[in-house]
């Protein structure tokens, strides 16, 4: 091969690479078509749905669903197919033993308020029991 032929070959290769890059750059994901095609599937749920007691996965894969969602959101359209988000937990969970001991302390404080009445009731019951026993002993004699 001559020098001119090599230059021509390199130039052609460079042009083909540029045309491929241009084609890739100009490619637009057809999200409108996909959205109309999968509208029914997307409205059934994010991962799948129950049908006659059996779990059915969606007709579109999670990867393709995510790509479609991304393209729709990038185009500035709204995406109504996401599930509603739960409210975030603001209160920290903590350790169960700490919660239980706090509840026990509160319960003990409540019981201590009732304690004088409880003691009086206890003494009265003991006294009544003692009197009943003395009456029973007196009747036996």
C-alpha atoms as a PDB file:
ATOM      1  CA  UNK A   1       0.000   0.000   0.000  1.00  0.00           C
ATOM      2  CA  UNK A   2       1.085   3.470  -0.748  1.00  0.00           C
ATOM      3  CA  UNK A   3       1.202   6.321   1.681  1.00  0.00           C
ATOM      4  CA  UNK A   4      -1.798   8.028   0.061  1.00  0.00           C
ATOM      5  CA  UNK A   5      -3.884   4.858   0.332  1.00  0.00           C
ATOM      6  CA  UNK A   6      -3.137   4.599   4.053  1.00  0.00           C
ATOM      7  CA  UNK A   7      -4.123   8.227   4.612  1.00  0.00           C
ATOM      8  CA  UNK A   8      -7.367   7.673   2.716  1.00  0.00           C
ATOM      9  CA  UNK A   9      -8.096   4.535   4.765  1.00  0.00           C
ATOM     10  CA  UNK A  10      -7.449   6.361   8.081  1.00  0.00           C
ATOM     11  CA  UNK A  11      -9.628   9.277   6.988  1.00  0.00           C
ATOM     12  CA  UNK A  12     -12.500   6.910   6.125  1.00  0.00           C
ATOM     13  CA  UNK A  13     -12.154   5.147   9.477  1.00  0.00           C
ATOM     14  CA  UNK A  14     -12.215   8.483  11.300  1.00  0.00           C
ATOM     15  CA  UNK A  15     -15.327   9.574   9.416  1.00  0.00           C
ATOM     16  CA  UNK A  16     -17.122   6.319  10.224  1.00  0.00           C
ATOM     17  CA  UNK A  17     -16.290   6.692  13.929  1.00  0.00           C
ATOM     18  CA  UNK A  18     -17.615  10.254  13.847  1.00  0.00           C
ATOM     19  CA  UNK A  19     -20.816   9.153  12.144  1.00  0.00           C
ATOM     20  CA  UNK A  20     -21.357   6.397  14.728  1.00  0.00           C
ATOM     21  CA  UNK A  21     -20.760   8.866  17.567  1.00  0.00           C
ATOM     22  CA  UNK A  22     -23.133  11.332  15.896  1.00  0.00           C
ATOM     23  CA  UNK A  23     -25.807   8.643  15.530  1.00  0.00           C
ATOM     24  CA  UNK A  24     -25.399   7.649  19.190  1.00  0.00           C
ATOM     25  CA  UNK A  25     -25.579  11.285  20.283  1.00  0.00           C
ATOM     26  CA  UNK A  26     -28.696  11.971  18.237  1.00  0.00           C
ATOM     27  CA  UNK A  27     -30.525   8.834  19.411  1.00  0.00           C
ATOM     28  CA  UNK A  28     -33.583   9.696  21.463  1.00  0.00           C
ATOM     29  CA  UNK A  29     -35.155   7.105  23.743  1.00  0.00           C
ATOM     30  CA  UNK A  30     -38.771   6.729  22.532  1.00  0.00           C
ATOM     31  CA  UNK A  31     -40.303   7.214  25.969  1.00  0.00           C
ATOM     32  CA  UNK A  32     -43.659   8.505  24.718  1.00  0.00           C
ATOM     33  CA  UNK A  33     -44.257   5.303  22.744  1.00  0.00           C
ATOM     34  CA  UNK A  34     -43.094   3.146  25.648  1.00  0.00           C
ATOM     35  CA  UNK A  35     -45.276   5.078  28.101  1.00  0.00           C
ATOM     36  CA  UNK A  36     -48.398   4.570  25.990  1.00  0.00           C
ATOM     37  CA  UNK A  37     -47.505   0.904  25.457  1.00  0.00           C
ATOM     38  CA  UNK A  38     -46.908   0.087  29.152  1.00  0.00           C
ATOM     39  CA  UNK A  39     -49.436   2.482  30.743  1.00  0.00           C
ATOM     40  CA  UNK A  40     -51.691  -0.369  31.896  1.00  0.00           C
ATOM     41  CA  UNK A  41     -48.784  -2.430  33.261  1.00  0.00           C
ATOM     42  CA  UNK A  42     -47.266   0.520  35.127  1.00  0.00           C
ATOM     43  CA  UNK A  43     -50.559   1.362  36.823  1.00  0.00           C
ATOM     44  CA  UNK A  44     -50.791  -2.165  38.299  1.00  0.00           C
ATOM     45  CA  UNK A  45     -47.926  -1.578  40.725  1.00  0.00           C
ATOM     46  CA  UNK A  46     -44.190  -1.102  40.983  1.00  0.00           C
ATOM     47  CA  UNK A  47     -43.037  -4.717  41.307  1.00  0.00           C
ATOM     48  CA  UNK A  48     -46.106  -6.700  40.308  1.00  0.00           C
ATOM     49  CA  UNK A  49     -49.626  -7.481  41.421  1.00  0.00           C
ATOM     50  CA  UNK A  50     -51.827 -10.268  42.762  1.00  0.00           C
ATOM     51  CA  UNK A  51     -54.144 -11.831  40.175  1.00  0.00           C
ATOM     52  CA  UNK A  52     -56.546 -14.611  41.196  1.00  0.00           C
ATOM     53  CA  UNK A  53     -54.379 -15.478  44.197  1.00  0.00           C
ATOM     54  CA  UNK A  54     -51.142 -15.636  42.218  1.00  0.00           C
ATOM     55  CA  UNK A  55     -48.353 -13.044  42.093  1.00  0.00           C
ATOM     56  CA  UNK A  56     -47.765 -11.677  38.599  1.00  0.00           C
ATOM     57  CA  UNK A  57     -44.605  -9.715  37.832  1.00  0.00           C
ATOM     58  CA  UNK A  58     -44.963  -6.663  35.616  1.00  0.00           C
ATOM     59  CA  UNK A  59     -44.750  -7.013  31.863  1.00  0.00           C
ATOM     60  CA  UNK A  60     -41.800  -4.603  31.876  1.00  0.00           C
ATOM     61  CA  UNK A  61     -38.568  -5.309  33.736  1.00  0.00           C
ATOM     62  CA  UNK A  62     -37.437  -3.124  36.634  1.00  0.00           C
ATOM     63  CA  UNK A  63     -34.439  -1.898  34.635  1.00  0.00           C
ATOM     64  CA  UNK A  64     -36.596  -0.847  31.684  1.00  0.00           C
ATOM     65  CA  UNK A  65     -39.171   0.684  34.029  1.00  0.00           C
ATOM     66  CA  UNK A  66     -36.434   2.723  35.722  1.00  0.00           C
ATOM     67  CA  UNK A  67     -35.078   3.869  32.345  1.00  0.00           C
ATOM     68  CA  UNK A  68     -38.562   4.914  31.208  1.00  0.00           C
ATOM     69  CA  UNK A  69     -39.148   6.752  34.511  1.00  0.00           C
ATOM     70  CA  UNK A  70     -35.826   8.549  34.208  1.00  0.00           C
ATOM     71  CA  UNK A  71     -36.498   9.661  30.628  1.00  0.00           C
ATOM     72  CA  UNK A  72     -40.013  10.868  31.470  1.00  0.00           C
ATOM     73  CA  UNK A  73     -38.752  12.865  34.451  1.00  0.00           C
ATOM     74  CA  UNK A  74     -35.844  14.301  32.429  1.00  0.00           C
ATOM     75  CA  UNK A  75     -38.327  15.460  29.793  1.00  0.00           C
ATOM     76  CA  UNK A  76     -40.144  17.400  32.542  1.00  0.00           C
ATOM     77  CA  UNK A  77     -43.285  15.258  32.540  1.00  0.00           C
ATOM     78  CA  UNK A  78     -44.874  13.891  35.714  1.00  0.00           C
ATOM     79  CA  UNK A  79     -44.597  10.222  36.704  1.00  0.00           C
ATOM     80  CA  UNK A  80     -47.738   9.129  38.597  1.00  0.00           C
ATOM     81  CA  UNK A  81     -46.792   5.452  38.910  1.00  0.00           C
ATOM     82  CA  UNK A  82     -44.582   5.659  42.016  1.00  0.00           C
ATOM     83  CA  UNK A  83     -46.168   4.351  45.244  1.00  0.00           C
ATOM     84  CA  UNK A  84     -46.909   6.941  47.910  1.00  0.00           C
ATOM     85  CA  UNK A  85     -43.993   7.405  50.265  1.00  0.00           C
ATOM     86  CA  UNK A  86     -44.496   6.774  53.959  1.00  0.00           C
ATOM     87  CA  UNK A  87     -43.775   9.551  56.405  1.00  0.00           C
ATOM     88  CA  UNK A  88     -40.260   9.312  57.769  1.00  0.00           C
ATOM     89  CA  UNK A  89     -39.807   8.250  61.373  1.00  0.00           C
ATOM     90  CA  UNK A  90     -38.888  11.267  63.466  1.00  0.00           C
ATOM     91  CA  UNK A  91     -38.722   9.571  66.852  1.00  0.00           C
ATOM     92  CA  UNK A  92     -35.713   7.340  67.396  1.00  0.00           C
ATOM     93  CA  UNK A  93     -36.492   3.786  68.325  1.00  0.00           C
ATOM     94  CA  UNK A  94     -33.921   3.313  71.082  1.00  0.00           C
ATOM     95  CA  UNK A  95     -33.444   0.172  73.148  1.00  0.00           C
ATOM     96  CA  UNK A  96     -36.420  -1.813  74.336  1.00  0.00           C
ATOM     97  CA  UNK A  97     -34.997  -2.227  77.850  1.00  0.00           C
ATOM     98  CA  UNK A  98     -34.806   1.579  78.250  1.00  0.00           C
ATOM     99  CA  UNK A  99     -38.432   1.997  77.178  1.00  0.00           C
ATOM    100  CA  UNK A 100     -39.644  -0.770  79.484  1.00  0.00           C
ATOM    101  CA  UNK A 101     -37.750   0.572  82.497  1.00  0.00           C
ATOM    102  CA  UNK A 102     -39.187   4.062  81.896  1.00  0.00           C
ATOM    103  CA  UNK A 103     -42.693   2.575  81.715  1.00  0.00           C
ATOM    104  CA  UNK A 104     -42.034   0.626  84.910  1.00  0.00           C
ATOM    105  CA  UNK A 105     -40.863   3.763  86.711  1.00  0.00           C
ATOM    106  CA  UNK A 106     -44.001   5.646  85.609  1.00  0.00           C
ATOM    107  CA  UNK A 107     -46.191   2.738  86.696  1.00  0.00           C
ATOM    108  CA  UNK A 108     -44.444   2.582  90.074  1.00  0.00           C
ATOM    109  CA  UNK A 109     -44.998   6.308  90.586  1.00  0.00           C
ATOM    110  CA  UNK A 110     -48.729   5.844  89.871  1.00  0.00           C
ATOM    111  CA  UNK A 111     -48.928   2.924  92.287  1.00  0.00           C
ATOM    112  CA  UNK A 112     -47.106   4.854  95.020  1.00  0.00           C
ATOM    113  CA  UNK A 113     -49.835   7.512  94.859  1.00  0.00           C
ATOM    114  CA  UNK A 114     -52.393   4.781  95.587  1.00  0.00           C
ATOM    115  CA  UNK A 115     -50.247   3.113  98.240  1.00  0.00           C
ATOM    116  CA  UNK A 116     -51.815   4.664 101.429  1.00  0.00           C
ATOM    117  CA  UNK A 117     -55.294   3.532 100.323  1.00  0.00           C
ATOM    118  CA  UNK A 118     -53.968   0.094  99.391  1.00  0.00           C
ATOM    119  CA  UNK A 119     -52.316  -0.274 102.819  1.00  0.00           C
ATOM    120  CA  UNK A 120     -55.508   0.794 104.571  1.00  0.00           C
ATOM    121  CA  UNK A 121     -57.527  -1.752 102.539  1.00  0.00           C
ATOM    122  CA  UNK A 122     -54.966  -4.462 103.360  1.00  0.00           C
ATOM    123  CA  UNK A 123     -55.049  -3.717 107.095  1.00  0.00           C
ATOM    124  CA  UNK A 124     -58.860  -3.703 107.051  1.00  0.00           C
ATOM    125  CA  UNK A 125     -58.962  -7.106 105.302  1.00  0.00           C
ATOM    126  CA  UNK A 126     -56.481  -8.584 107.790  1.00  0.00           C
ATOM    127  CA  UNK A 127     -58.470  -7.162 110.700  1.00  0.00           C
ATOM    128  CA  UNK A 128     -61.771  -8.542 109.278  1.00  0.00           C
ATOM    129  CA  UNK A 129     -60.172 -11.951 108.735  1.00  0.00           C
ATOM    130  CA  UNK A 130     -58.862 -11.939 112.310  1.00  0.00           C
ATOM    131  CA  UNK A 131     -62.289 -10.973 113.650  1.00  0.00           C
ATOM    132  CA  UNK A 132     -63.997 -13.712 111.600  1.00  0.00           C
ATOM    133  CA  UNK A 133     -61.513 -16.283 112.933  1.00  0.00           C
ATOM    134  CA  UNK A 134     -62.122 -15.127 116.524  1.00  0.00           C
ATOM    135  CA  UNK A 135     -65.892 -15.295 115.982  1.00  0.00           C
ATOM    136  CA  UNK A 136     -65.585 -18.811 114.543  1.00  0.00           C
ATOM    137  CA  UNK A 137     -63.397 -19.879 117.505  1.00  0.00           C
ATOM    138  CA  UNK A 138     -65.907 -18.378 119.971  1.00  0.00           C
ATOM    139  CA  UNK A 139     -68.803 -20.250 118.309  1.00  0.00           C
ATOM    140  CA  UNK A 140     -66.935 -23.552 118.527  1.00  0.00           C
ATOM    141  CA  UNK A 141     -66.544 -23.250 122.277  1.00  0.00           C
END
